[in-house]
Amino acid sequence: MGVGLSSSMWSGVSGLLANSTKMTTIGNNLANVNTTGFKSARVDFVDMMSSAIGTASGTDEVGNGVRVGSVTTDYSQGGTETTTSSTDMAVSGNGFFMVKQKSQIGSNGKLLNTGNATTYYTRDGSFSFDSDGYLTTSEGLVVQGWKVDQDKIDAADAAGTSLSSAPVTGSITDIKLDSFSSPAKATTNVTVVTNLDSDSDTESTRDSTNYYYAMSQQWDGTADTAMPSTAYSYSTTVKVYDENGSSHTLSVYYDKVTTVSGKETWEYAVTCNPSEDGRVASDGTKLSATATGGLLMVGTMTFDSSGDLENISAYTLKSSTASSGSLSHFTASAWTVADVNKSGYPVLSANFKSVSNSSFTDQTSTTDIGLNLGMRDTKGFTLNSGDGTLASVSASNSSANLVSFHTATLKSNSTCTTSYATSSSTVFTTQNGYTAGLLSSVSVNSDGIISGTYSNGVTIELYALALATFNNLQGLNSMGDNLYSSTIDSGAAITNRANTGTAGTVSGNTLESSNVDMASEMVSMIITQRGFEANSKTITTVDTMLSEIIQLKR
C-alpha cells in the first residue's frame, strides 16, 4: 500500500511539473503579445507509461502521471499594422527574411566572414538603413537579397519589351546602398510614337532629285530658323540628356511624301539645336558652324493601306563621308545607311559634349542614341538596290532604292507610329537618360523589390529581397531577438523571391504583429491554474493518507 501511495504522490508531482511548463509557455506568449513577428507556442501533454497490477479480472494498468509531450510553435500569419517607415516590411505567406552579420573589413582591406557568417531568419521586418548604407535589423544584422540587373532593364527598355519581373544578377548578398545619389545617365534610347494624319498634304516641293528627302534638304543649321515652317506637316520634341546630365531637346519633323496604291510614305528628320551639336568631322570641321549642324538622322516610313507602319529607312553621317565640302549644304552622297543597336533600332549621335572620336556612329567612343519609332530589326537594314546612300535614291523617285528592314525578321512593337485619318498627334515619347539626383526615398513593392526614388524624379530598382521557406517549420531553432536558425530537423532553407512558391508577398510601411490570441491564452491560463491546483490537492491528500498510515502504530 505504501508503494501505491508513493506512486500517487509522484503522479501529482508530474502534474505540477507539466502544468508549470505550460504556464511558463503561456506567460511567454503573453509577455510577447506586442513583439513584432512573434509566433506563439502551445504545450501538449502525454501520459506516462502505466504500471501493470493484478486484478480480479487479470492484469490491468494504472497510470503514473503526465509529462510534456511537445512544445509546438504556431507559425500562422499574424495581423499587420501600418507604420510611417518605408523600410518596415511584413511578409504575407510562409517566407522569412534572411539576415546576416555585417561583413567586416580586415586590416589588409579585404572583407572578412563574407559568405561564412551564419544566416538567421526572421519575421520581424522592422528594418532601417545604417550610416554605412546597410539595410539592417535593430540588432545590426544585414538583410539579404539580390542586386537588380539594371543592364537587362535598359536592354528591355531599348527593345520596347516589358519584363514580367525585375531581373537580378549574382548571388544573395548584403542589401547596401553604395551611394545615396544617382549619377547622371546619358540617353541611349528615345521612343517617339506619333499618328501622322493620312489626309495631310505634302509641304516640301519634291522632284526626282530629292523625292524622299526634300524636307531634310531644306534644313540649314546656320539660319535663324533651321527648319522652315513651310517644309513639314508635323513636328514633335523629346528631351534627352548627355553624359554630364545636361538636357537637350531633340526635334523630329515629318512631311508626307506620296500615296501609291493606298500605301503612304512619310519623310522624317531628327534634329537638335545646331549650337549644341558637338560633332566634329575628321578634317576638324565643327558641324555646329555648318548648314548640316543639328541634323542627326533622316529617313522614311512606309504605311500600309490601313495606316499601320510597314517599314522604315534611316540614314546618318559617317566619319568617312562627313567633310567640310559635304557639310556646307545637304549632300545626299554623305548620308549613308544607319547602323542599328543590339535591340535593332537605328542609332544616331549628337556628341553634345564634343568628346573626341565620338561624333559618328562608326567611331569607337560614340554614345549612340537608338530611335524607336515602333519597329526594329536586329539584322539591320538591307540594300534593296543602290549603294546605301541617299545619292542612289535621288537617281529615281522609286522607293526601290531606299534601304529597309528585312520583312522576315523585322519586329513591330505594341505601340507603333501610325498614319490614320485623324489629326497628327504625339502618342507617346520616352527616353532613358536623366540628370544626377539625390536619394529622397526608398520603397518596397509586393514582389520584394526595393527601389530608390531620387530628386531627379527617377526611380531605380535596386535589390530584390531574399525570402526563405522550410520543409519543417517545427524544426527551426529559436535564437531570441526574433531570430530563428535552421537545423537538421528543419532542413536547409529554400530561398525564393517574393511572390514565388509559398514565400508570399511583401508589404512596405507595414509590420507583422504577434499572432498571440490573448483571449485563448487567458482561458488556457485558468485551466492550467486549475490543473496545477488539482495536482497539488493530490499531493496534500496523499500526504494525509500517509499520515493516517503512520498513526496506525499508536
Protein backbone atom coordinates (compact mmCIF):
# COMPACT_ATOMS: atom_id res chain seq x y z
CA MET A 1 0.00 0.00 0.00
CA GLY A 2 2.89 2.32 0.70
CA VAL A 3 4.22 1.83 -2.82
CA GLY A 4 0.77 2.68 -4.25
CA LEU A 5 0.52 5.94 -2.32
CA SER A 6 4.05 6.89 -3.29
CA SER A 7 3.14 6.43 -6.93
CA SER A 8 0.08 8.62 -6.39
CA MET A 9 2.34 11.29 -4.90
CA TRP A 10 4.63 11.24 -7.91
CA SER A 11 1.68 11.39 -10.30
CA GLY A 12 0.67 14.65 -8.63
CA VAL A 13 4.25 15.92 -8.85
CA SER A 14 4.34 15.16 -12.58
CA GLY A 15 1.13 17.14 -12.98
CA LEU A 16 2.69 20.12 -11.17
CA LEU A 17 5.79 20.00 -13.37
CA ALA A 18 3.83 19.67 -16.62
CA ASN A 19 1.41 22.46 -15.77
CA SER A 20 4.31 24.65 -14.62
CA THR A 21 5.87 24.24 -18.06
CA LYS A 22 2.57 25.09 -19.71
CA MET A 23 2.17 28.17 -17.53
CA THR A 24 5.70 29.25 -18.47
CA THR A 25 4.76 28.97 -22.15
CA ILE A 26 1.52 30.91 -21.60
CA GLY A 27 3.43 33.59 -19.73
CA ASN A 28 5.97 33.83 -22.54
CA ASN A 29 3.17 34.17 -25.10
CA LEU A 30 1.50 36.94 -23.13
CA ALA A 31 4.84 38.67 -22.50
CA ASN A 32 5.38 38.81 -26.28
CA VAL A 33 1.88 39.86 -27.24
CA ASN A 34 3.33 43.11 -28.64
CA THR A 35 6.54 41.64 -30.08
CA THR A 36 6.78 42.18 -33.84
CA GLY A 37 6.55 38.94 -35.79
CA PHE A 38 6.39 36.78 -32.64
CA LYS A 39 4.94 33.28 -33.04
CA SER A 40 3.08 31.82 -30.08
CA ALA A 41 3.69 28.33 -28.71
CA ARG A 42 1.45 25.58 -27.37
CA VAL A 43 2.33 22.82 -24.85
CA ASP A 44 0.91 19.35 -25.47
CA PHE A 45 0.83 16.75 -22.68
CA VAL A 46 1.21 12.95 -22.91
CA ASP A 47 0.59 10.38 -20.20
CA MET A 48 3.46 8.44 -18.67
CA MET A 49 3.98 4.71 -19.01
CA SER A 50 1.44 2.83 -16.95
CA SER A 51 2.22 0.17 -14.31
CA ALA A 52 0.74 -3.31 -14.53
CA ILE A 53 -1.20 -4.57 -11.49
CA GLY A 54 -3.03 -7.76 -10.76
CA THR A 55 -6.80 -7.56 -10.51
CA ALA A 56 -9.69 -9.97 -10.14
CA SER A 57 -10.13 -9.88 -13.89
CA GLY A 58 -6.48 -10.42 -14.61
CA THR A 59 -3.72 -7.89 -15.28
CA ASP A 60 -4.65 -4.21 -15.71
CA GLU A 61 -2.77 -0.91 -15.85
CA VAL A 62 -2.57 2.09 -13.56
CA GLY A 63 -1.31 5.43 -14.87
CA ASN A 64 1.80 7.06 -13.40
CA GLY A 65 1.18 10.69 -14.29
CA VAL A 66 1.84 13.13 -17.11
CA ARG A 67 4.75 14.77 -18.90
CA VAL A 68 5.27 17.36 -21.60
CA GLY A 69 4.94 15.71 -25.00
CA SER A 70 5.89 18.68 -27.18
CA VAL A 71 6.04 22.43 -27.37
CA THR A 72 4.64 23.39 -30.78
CA THR A 73 5.14 26.82 -32.35
CA ASP A 74 2.20 28.35 -34.19
CA TYR A 75 3.63 29.86 -37.39
CA SER A 76 0.29 31.15 -38.65
CA GLN A 77 0.09 34.67 -40.06
CA GLY A 78 -0.08 37.48 -37.53
CA GLY A 79 -2.02 40.68 -38.01
CA THR A 80 -0.45 43.68 -39.74
CA GLU A 81 -0.08 47.25 -38.64
CA THR A 82 0.73 50.28 -40.78
CA THR A 83 3.80 52.32 -39.92
CA THR A 84 5.36 55.55 -41.15
CA SER A 85 8.69 53.97 -42.12
CA SER A 86 9.06 52.82 -45.72
CA THR A 87 11.71 50.29 -44.67
CA ASP A 88 9.31 48.48 -42.34
CA MET A 89 8.22 45.29 -44.09
CA ALA A 90 5.92 42.37 -43.49
CA VAL A 91 5.63 39.01 -45.25
CA SER A 92 2.18 37.66 -46.06
CA GLY A 93 2.91 33.99 -46.59
CA ASN A 94 5.39 31.38 -45.36
CA GLY A 95 8.59 33.24 -46.11
CA PHE A 96 11.19 34.52 -43.63
CA PHE A 97 13.53 37.46 -44.16
CA MET A 98 17.16 36.39 -44.31
CA VAL A 99 19.73 38.32 -42.24
CA LYS A 100 23.45 38.01 -41.59
CA GLN A 101 26.19 39.59 -39.56
CA LYS A 102 27.61 42.61 -41.34
CA SER A 103 30.76 41.86 -43.33
CA GLN A 104 33.88 43.24 -41.68
CA ILE A 105 36.91 44.69 -43.43
CA GLY A 106 40.25 43.46 -42.18
CA SER A 107 43.49 45.39 -41.81
CA ASN A 108 44.53 44.24 -45.27
CA GLY A 109 41.43 45.85 -46.77
CA LYS A 110 39.80 42.53 -47.59
CA LEU A 111 36.33 41.51 -46.46
CA LEU A 112 36.15 39.12 -43.53
CA ASN A 113 33.44 36.45 -42.97
CA THR A 114 31.90 37.15 -46.37
CA GLY A 115 29.77 34.12 -47.23
CA ASN A 116 30.77 32.42 -43.95
CA ALA A 117 28.59 34.31 -41.48
CA THR A 118 25.60 32.43 -40.08
CA THR A 119 22.32 33.18 -41.79
CA TYR A 120 19.37 33.82 -39.50
CA TYR A 121 15.71 34.03 -40.36
CA THR A 122 13.08 36.39 -39.00
CA ARG A 123 9.52 37.57 -39.48
CA ASP A 124 10.35 40.89 -37.84
CA GLY A 125 10.66 43.37 -40.70
CA SER A 126 11.48 46.47 -38.66
CA PHE A 127 14.49 47.39 -40.80
CA SER A 128 16.40 50.62 -41.34
CA PHE A 129 19.49 51.82 -43.20
CA ASP A 130 22.54 52.40 -41.03
CA SER A 131 25.23 55.01 -41.54
CA ASP A 132 27.13 52.71 -43.90
CA GLY A 133 24.10 52.21 -46.14
CA TYR A 134 23.29 48.65 -44.99
CA LEU A 135 19.66 47.64 -44.51
CA THR A 136 19.75 46.18 -41.00
CA THR A 137 17.65 44.81 -38.18
CA SER A 138 17.53 46.56 -34.81
CA GLU A 139 20.40 44.28 -33.74
CA GLY A 140 22.55 45.31 -36.69
CA LEU A 141 22.19 42.17 -38.82
CA VAL A 142 22.12 42.89 -42.56
CA VAL A 143 19.10 41.96 -44.67
CA GLN A 144 19.91 39.74 -47.67
CA GLY A 145 18.81 39.97 -51.30
CA TRP A 146 19.85 40.01 -54.94
CA LYS A 147 21.05 43.03 -56.89
CA VAL A 148 18.69 44.08 -59.66
CA ASP A 149 20.29 43.77 -63.11
CA GLN A 150 19.95 47.30 -64.47
CA ASP A 151 21.65 46.37 -67.74
CA LYS A 152 18.86 43.92 -68.57
CA ILE A 153 16.24 46.53 -67.70
CA ASP A 154 17.92 49.03 -70.02
CA ALA A 155 18.08 46.43 -72.79
CA ALA A 156 14.37 45.68 -72.39
CA ASP A 157 13.55 49.39 -72.49
CA ALA A 158 15.60 49.77 -75.63
CA ALA A 159 13.80 46.82 -77.20
CA GLY A 160 10.41 48.19 -76.24
CA THR A 161 9.61 45.00 -74.34
CA SER A 162 8.24 44.57 -70.84
CA LEU A 163 9.71 42.27 -68.21
CA SER A 164 7.45 40.08 -66.09
CA SER A 165 9.70 40.68 -63.08
CA ALA A 166 12.79 42.64 -62.22
CA PRO A 167 15.88 40.70 -63.37
CA VAL A 168 18.58 40.01 -60.78
CA THR A 169 22.26 39.27 -61.04
CA GLY A 170 24.79 37.41 -58.91
CA SER A 171 24.19 35.51 -55.69
CA ILE A 172 22.42 36.57 -52.49
CA THR A 173 24.30 39.42 -50.88
CA ASP A 174 24.05 42.21 -48.30
CA ILE A 175 21.49 44.85 -49.21
CA LYS A 176 23.52 48.04 -49.20
CA LEU A 177 23.13 51.43 -50.79
CA ASP A 178 26.55 52.04 -52.28
CA SER A 179 25.65 55.65 -52.97
CA PHE A 180 22.87 57.95 -51.80
CA SER A 181 22.95 59.72 -55.13
CA SER A 182 22.13 58.74 -58.67
CA PRO A 183 24.80 59.70 -61.22
CA ALA A 184 23.74 61.26 -64.49
CA LYS A 185 22.94 58.87 -67.29
CA ALA A 186 23.26 59.72 -70.96
CA THR A 187 20.27 58.96 -73.16
CA THR A 188 20.81 55.82 -75.20
CA ASN A 189 17.25 55.19 -76.33
CA VAL A 190 14.49 57.51 -77.49
CA THR A 191 10.95 56.42 -78.27
CA VAL A 192 8.81 58.72 -80.42
CA VAL A 193 5.43 57.32 -81.41
CA THR A 194 3.06 59.55 -83.36
CA ASN A 195 -0.01 59.40 -85.53
CA LEU A 196 0.53 61.18 -88.84
CA ASP A 197 -2.67 62.41 -90.48
CA SER A 198 -3.12 60.45 -93.71
CA ASP A 199 -5.08 63.40 -95.15
CA SER A 200 -2.08 65.72 -94.83
CA ASP A 201 -0.66 67.38 -97.93
CA THR A 202 2.99 67.37 -98.95
CA GLU A 203 4.55 70.63 -97.80
CA SER A 204 8.01 70.40 -99.36
CA THR A 205 8.47 70.68 -103.11
CA ARG A 206 9.68 67.35 -104.44
CA ASP A 207 11.14 66.24 -107.77
CA SER A 208 13.07 63.23 -108.99
CA THR A 209 16.33 64.53 -107.48
CA ASN A 210 15.09 64.89 -103.89
CA TYR A 211 11.86 62.91 -103.82
CA TYR A 212 12.43 61.20 -100.43
CA TYR A 213 14.44 63.89 -98.64
CA ALA A 214 13.08 67.23 -99.83
CA MET A 215 12.20 68.31 -96.28
CA SER A 216 15.61 67.36 -94.86
CA GLN A 217 17.30 69.19 -97.72
CA GLN A 218 15.77 72.45 -96.50
CA TRP A 219 17.45 72.22 -93.08
CA ASP A 220 20.02 74.96 -92.56
CA GLY A 221 21.83 74.93 -89.23
CA THR A 222 23.28 78.41 -89.85
CA ALA A 223 19.86 80.07 -90.31
CA ASP A 224 17.82 81.68 -87.53
CA THR A 225 15.12 79.08 -88.15
CA ALA A 226 16.88 75.89 -89.17
CA MET A 227 13.74 74.15 -90.48
CA PRO A 228 11.31 76.44 -92.33
CA SER A 229 7.71 76.08 -91.18
CA THR A 230 6.66 75.56 -94.79
CA ALA A 231 8.82 72.44 -95.11
CA TYR A 232 6.97 70.00 -92.85
CA SER A 233 3.48 68.77 -91.93
CA TYR A 234 4.08 67.96 -88.25
CA SER A 235 6.78 68.07 -85.60
CA THR A 236 7.29 66.88 -82.04
CA THR A 237 10.03 67.12 -79.41
CA VAL A 238 11.59 64.97 -76.70
CA LYS A 239 14.10 65.97 -74.01
CA VAL A 240 17.33 63.94 -73.82
CA TYR A 241 20.44 64.07 -71.60
CA ASP A 242 24.16 63.96 -72.25
CA GLU A 243 26.67 62.06 -70.12
CA ASN A 244 27.02 65.02 -67.73
CA GLY A 245 23.28 65.22 -67.11
CA SER A 246 22.62 68.38 -69.14
CA SER A 247 19.33 68.32 -71.02
CA HIS A 248 18.87 68.89 -74.74
CA THR A 249 15.85 68.86 -76.99
CA LEU A 250 15.51 66.60 -79.98
CA SER A 251 13.00 67.75 -82.59
CA VAL A 252 11.52 65.30 -85.06
CA TYR A 253 9.96 66.69 -88.26
CA TYR A 254 7.58 64.83 -90.57
CA ASP A 255 6.34 65.51 -94.09
CA LYS A 256 4.20 63.36 -96.33
CA VAL A 257 5.95 62.18 -99.49
CA THR A 258 3.40 60.29 -101.54
CA THR A 259 0.47 57.89 -101.63
CA VAL A 260 0.70 54.99 -104.08
CA SER A 261 -1.88 52.17 -104.28
CA GLY A 262 -3.17 53.05 -100.81
CA LYS A 263 0.29 52.95 -99.23
CA GLU A 264 1.76 56.13 -97.79
CA THR A 265 5.37 57.20 -97.43
CA TRP A 266 6.45 59.92 -95.00
CA GLU A 267 9.83 61.57 -94.59
CA TYR A 268 11.22 62.28 -91.12
CA ALA A 269 14.27 64.12 -89.78
CA VAL A 270 15.73 64.02 -86.25
CA THR A 271 17.45 67.25 -85.21
CA CYS A 272 18.87 69.15 -82.26
CA ASN A 273 19.75 72.79 -81.67
CA PRO A 274 22.66 73.39 -84.10
CA SER A 275 24.60 75.31 -81.43
CA GLU A 276 24.51 72.19 -79.19
CA ASP A 277 25.74 69.84 -81.91
CA GLY A 278 29.22 68.84 -80.71
CA ARG A 279 30.15 66.65 -83.66
CA VAL A 280 33.48 67.27 -85.32
CA ALA A 281 34.36 65.93 -88.78
CA SER A 282 37.59 64.04 -89.38
CA ASP A 283 39.09 67.12 -91.01
CA GLY A 284 38.36 69.21 -87.88
CA THR A 285 35.21 70.89 -89.19
CA LYS A 286 32.70 71.64 -86.43
CA LEU A 287 29.25 70.72 -87.61
CA SER A 288 27.67 73.41 -85.43
CA ALA A 289 29.14 76.02 -87.78
CA THR A 290 27.76 74.39 -90.94
CA ALA A 291 24.39 74.06 -92.62
CA THR A 292 24.35 70.38 -91.56
CA GLY A 293 24.74 71.27 -87.87
CA GLY A 294 21.94 69.79 -85.77
CA LEU A 295 20.70 67.40 -88.48
CA LEU A 296 21.24 63.98 -86.89
CA MET A 297 19.20 61.44 -88.87
CA VAL A 298 16.92 61.39 -91.90
CA GLY A 299 14.73 58.63 -93.26
CA THR A 300 11.33 57.45 -94.38
CA MET A 301 8.37 55.49 -93.01
CA THR A 302 6.02 53.45 -95.17
CA PHE A 303 2.44 52.68 -94.05
CA ASP A 304 0.06 50.11 -95.48
CA SER A 305 -3.47 50.94 -96.62
CA SER A 306 -4.74 50.53 -93.03
CA GLY A 307 -2.31 53.15 -91.74
CA ASP A 308 -0.04 50.69 -89.92
CA LEU A 309 3.74 51.04 -90.11
CA GLU A 310 5.11 48.63 -92.70
CA ASN A 311 8.81 49.52 -92.91
CA ILE A 312 11.31 52.31 -92.34
CA SER A 313 14.62 53.59 -93.65
CA ALA A 314 17.27 55.57 -91.76
CA TYR A 315 20.40 57.44 -92.85
CA THR A 316 23.14 59.14 -90.85
CA LEU A 317 26.50 60.78 -91.46
CA LYS A 318 29.61 58.62 -91.07
CA SER A 319 33.14 59.77 -90.30
CA SER A 320 34.27 58.63 -93.74
CA THR A 321 31.71 60.77 -95.58
CA ALA A 322 31.42 63.87 -93.39
CA SER A 323 33.81 66.55 -94.58
CA SER A 324 33.77 70.31 -94.92
CA GLY A 325 32.64 70.02 -98.53
CA SER A 326 29.66 67.80 -97.73
CA LEU A 327 28.61 69.78 -94.66
CA SER A 328 28.23 73.26 -96.16
CA HIS A 329 24.95 72.11 -97.67
CA PHE A 330 22.83 68.96 -97.73
CA THR A 331 24.86 66.42 -99.70
CA ALA A 332 22.93 63.24 -100.49
CA SER A 333 26.06 61.14 -101.02
CA ALA A 334 27.25 61.89 -97.44
CA TRP A 335 24.15 60.31 -95.89
CA THR A 336 24.54 56.53 -95.68
CA VAL A 337 22.53 53.65 -94.23
CA ALA A 338 22.26 53.89 -90.45
CA ASP A 339 23.64 51.31 -88.06
CA VAL A 340 21.33 49.61 -85.55
CA ASN A 341 21.92 48.83 -81.87
CA LYS A 342 21.65 45.42 -80.21
CA SER A 343 17.90 45.85 -79.95
CA GLY A 344 17.60 46.55 -83.66
CA TYR A 345 16.82 50.28 -83.58
CA PRO A 346 18.63 52.75 -85.89
CA VAL A 347 21.19 54.82 -83.99
CA LEU A 348 22.33 58.43 -84.21
CA SER A 349 24.90 60.55 -82.42
CA ALA A 350 24.88 64.20 -81.34
CA ASN A 351 28.11 64.21 -79.25
CA PHE A 352 26.78 67.10 -77.14
CA LYS A 353 30.00 67.26 -75.06
CA SER A 354 32.34 67.23 -78.11
CA VAL A 355 34.07 64.07 -76.91
CA SER A 356 36.99 63.03 -79.08
CA ASN A 357 36.31 60.23 -81.58
CA SER A 358 32.63 60.21 -80.61
CA SER A 359 30.90 62.21 -83.33
CA PHE A 360 29.64 59.47 -85.64
CA THR A 361 28.15 56.04 -85.06
CA ASP A 362 31.09 54.31 -86.75
CA GLN A 363 33.57 55.72 -84.23
CA THR A 364 34.74 53.83 -81.16
CA SER A 365 33.72 56.21 -78.31
CA THR A 366 30.31 57.22 -79.56
CA THR A 367 27.32 57.27 -77.22
CA ASP A 368 24.67 56.02 -79.63
CA ILE A 369 21.04 57.02 -79.27
CA GLY A 370 18.62 54.39 -80.58
CA LEU A 371 15.49 55.77 -82.26
CA ASN A 372 12.36 53.74 -81.55
CA LEU A 373 9.55 54.58 -83.96
CA GLY A 374 7.83 51.31 -83.11
CA MET A 375 9.83 48.99 -85.36
CA ARG A 376 13.18 47.20 -85.08
CA ASP A 377 15.34 44.59 -86.79
CA THR A 378 18.49 43.18 -85.21
CA LYS A 379 19.76 42.24 -88.68
CA GLY A 380 19.83 45.92 -89.60
CA PHE A 381 18.87 47.47 -92.91
CA THR A 382 19.08 45.72 -96.24
CA LEU A 383 20.04 47.36 -99.55
CA ASN A 384 17.22 46.74 -101.99
CA SER A 385 19.34 48.38 -104.70
CA GLY A 386 21.83 51.20 -104.95
CA ASP A 387 24.84 51.77 -102.71
CA GLY A 388 23.04 52.60 -99.44
CA THR A 389 23.36 56.37 -99.77
CA LEU A 390 20.69 58.96 -100.38
CA ALA A 391 22.51 59.79 -103.61
CA SER A 392 21.44 56.44 -105.05
CA VAL A 393 17.85 57.19 -104.03
CA SER A 394 17.87 60.51 -105.90
CA ALA A 395 18.57 58.65 -109.12
CA SER A 396 14.92 57.59 -109.19
CA ASN A 397 11.70 58.58 -107.49
CA SER A 398 11.03 54.88 -106.82
CA SER A 399 11.18 53.56 -103.24
CA ALA A 400 13.19 50.57 -104.52
CA ASN A 401 16.44 52.37 -103.80
CA LEU A 402 15.52 53.06 -100.16
CA VAL A 403 17.09 50.81 -97.54
CA SER A 404 14.61 48.92 -95.36
CA PHE A 405 14.31 46.33 -92.63
CA HIS A 406 14.12 42.67 -93.63
CA THR A 407 10.45 41.80 -93.93
CA ALA A 408 11.05 38.33 -92.50
CA THR A 409 12.83 39.48 -89.32
CA LEU A 410 11.52 42.96 -88.52
CA LYS A 411 9.51 43.34 -85.30
CA SER A 412 6.69 45.80 -84.63
CA ASN A 413 6.12 46.95 -81.06
CA SER A 414 2.68 47.08 -79.47
CA THR A 415 2.93 50.87 -79.54
CA CYS A 416 3.89 51.96 -83.03
CA THR A 417 3.79 55.02 -85.26
CA THR A 418 0.65 55.09 -87.42
CA SER A 419 -0.90 57.08 -90.26
CA TYR A 420 -4.63 57.18 -89.62
CA ALA A 421 -7.14 59.65 -90.98
CA THR A 422 -7.15 61.79 -87.86
CA SER A 423 -5.19 64.82 -86.72
CA SER A 424 -1.45 64.36 -86.37
CA SER A 425 -0.52 63.97 -82.73
CA THR A 426 2.19 62.64 -80.45
CA VAL A 427 1.02 59.39 -78.89
CA PHE A 428 3.98 58.56 -76.71
CA THR A 429 7.54 59.75 -76.06
CA THR A 430 10.11 58.50 -73.62
CA GLN A 431 13.86 58.28 -73.14
CA ASN A 432 16.13 56.59 -70.62
CA GLY A 433 18.56 59.36 -69.65
CA TYR A 434 18.48 61.63 -66.62
CA THR A 435 20.45 64.19 -64.68
CA ALA A 436 22.15 63.47 -61.35
CA GLY A 437 19.94 63.26 -58.28
CA LEU A 438 19.99 62.64 -54.54
CA LEU A 439 18.12 59.79 -52.89
CA SER A 440 14.87 61.12 -51.50
CA SER A 441 13.01 57.95 -50.51
CA VAL A 442 13.09 54.16 -50.56
CA SER A 443 10.12 51.87 -51.12
CA VAL A 444 9.37 48.16 -51.46
CA ASN A 445 6.63 46.57 -53.55
CA SER A 446 4.73 43.30 -53.20
CA ASP A 447 7.41 41.48 -55.22
CA GLY A 448 10.00 42.46 -52.63
CA ILE A 449 11.75 44.89 -54.97
CA ILE A 450 13.46 47.70 -53.08
CA SER A 451 13.51 50.88 -55.18
CA GLY A 452 15.11 54.26 -54.66
CA THR A 453 13.43 57.48 -55.75
CA TYR A 454 15.80 60.35 -56.44
CA SER A 455 15.44 64.10 -56.58
CA ASN A 456 15.71 64.00 -60.38
CA GLY A 457 12.39 62.15 -60.47
CA VAL A 458 13.99 58.82 -61.40
CA THR A 459 13.00 55.62 -59.61
CA ILE A 460 15.62 52.87 -59.81
CA GLU A 461 15.05 49.26 -58.76
CA LEU A 462 17.97 48.35 -56.50
CA TYR A 463 17.50 44.97 -54.80
CA ALA A 464 15.12 42.01 -54.66
CA LEU A 465 14.56 40.67 -51.14
CA ALA A 466 15.52 37.05 -50.50
CA LEU A 467 12.90 35.04 -48.60
CA ALA A 468 13.39 31.59 -47.08
CA THR A 469 10.92 28.78 -46.59
CA PHE A 470 11.39 25.42 -44.80
CA ASN A 471 10.00 21.93 -45.19
CA ASN A 472 9.60 21.55 -41.40
CA LEU A 473 8.97 24.78 -39.55
CA GLN A 474 8.79 22.98 -36.20
CA GLY A 475 12.45 22.06 -36.62
CA LEU A 476 13.59 25.71 -36.52
CA ASN A 477 15.65 26.79 -33.53
CA SER A 478 14.54 29.99 -31.78
CA MET A 479 17.61 32.15 -31.09
CA GLY A 480 15.95 35.08 -29.35
CA ASP A 481 15.88 38.62 -30.73
CA ASN A 482 13.09 37.45 -33.09
CA LEU A 483 15.59 35.24 -34.92
CA TYR A 484 15.49 31.60 -35.98
CA SER A 485 18.23 29.33 -37.26
CA SER A 486 17.90 26.24 -39.40
CA THR A 487 18.62 22.76 -38.07
CA ILE A 488 18.84 19.24 -39.47
CA ASP A 489 15.19 18.78 -38.47
CA SER A 490 14.00 21.91 -40.27
CA GLY A 491 16.02 21.18 -43.38
CA ALA A 492 18.06 23.70 -45.33
CA ALA A 493 16.40 26.98 -46.24
CA ILE A 494 14.72 27.14 -49.65
CA THR A 495 15.44 30.61 -50.98
CA ASN A 496 12.98 32.39 -53.21
CA ARG A 497 11.86 35.82 -54.25
CA ALA A 498 8.56 37.20 -53.03
CA ASN A 499 5.51 36.03 -54.97
CA THR A 500 7.32 32.79 -55.78
CA GLY A 501 6.13 29.43 -54.49
CA THR A 502 4.79 29.75 -50.94
CA ALA A 503 7.17 32.55 -49.92
CA GLY A 504 4.34 35.11 -50.01
CA THR A 505 4.20 38.79 -50.79
CA VAL A 506 5.92 41.71 -49.10
CA SER A 507 4.24 44.86 -47.83
CA GLY A 508 6.09 48.11 -47.19
CA ASN A 509 5.23 50.56 -44.40
CA THR A 510 3.89 47.52 -42.55
CA LEU A 511 4.89 45.26 -39.68
CA GLU A 512 3.52 41.85 -38.74
CA SER A 513 2.07 41.74 -35.24
CA SER A 514 2.41 38.86 -32.79
CA ASN A 515 -0.05 36.05 -33.50
CA VAL A 516 -0.77 35.56 -29.78
CA ASP A 517 -4.53 35.30 -29.10
CA MET A 518 -4.94 36.90 -25.68
CA ALA A 519 -8.45 35.52 -25.12
CA SER A 520 -7.31 31.95 -25.77
CA GLU A 521 -4.24 32.41 -23.60
CA MET A 522 -6.28 33.75 -20.68
CA VAL A 523 -8.69 30.80 -20.86
CA SER A 524 -5.73 28.42 -21.09
CA MET A 525 -4.17 30.13 -18.09
CA ILE A 526 -7.28 29.50 -15.99
CA ILE A 527 -7.44 25.84 -17.00
CA THR A 528 -3.71 25.40 -16.35
CA GLN A 529 -4.01 27.06 -12.95
CA ARG A 530 -6.87 24.75 -12.05
CA GLY A 531 -4.88 21.75 -13.25
CA PHE A 532 -1.94 22.81 -11.11
CA GLU A 533 -4.24 23.31 -8.14
CA ALA A 534 -5.84 19.89 -8.61
CA ASN A 535 -2.46 18.18 -8.76
CA SER A 536 -1.37 19.98 -5.59
CA LYS A 537 -4.52 18.64 -3.93
CA THR A 538 -3.49 15.15 -4.98
CA ILE A 539 -0.18 15.60 -3.17
CA THR A 540 -1.74 17.00 0.01
CA THR A 541 -4.38 14.27 0.03
CA VAL A 542 -1.76 11.53 -0.36
CA ASP A 543 0.18 13.21 2.43
CA THR A 544 -2.88 12.95 4.68
CA MET A 545 -3.31 9.30 3.76
CA LEU A 546 0.33 8.57 4.58
CA SER A 547 -0.12 10.38 7.88
CA GLU A 548 -3.07 8.11 8.72
CA ILE A 549 -0.95 5.05 7.99
CA ILE A 550 1.73 6.30 10.34
CA GLN A 551 -0.90 6.80 13.04
CA LEU A 552 -1.82 3.08 12.89
CA LYS A 553 1.26 2.32 15.01
CA ARG A 554 -0.19 4.08 18.04
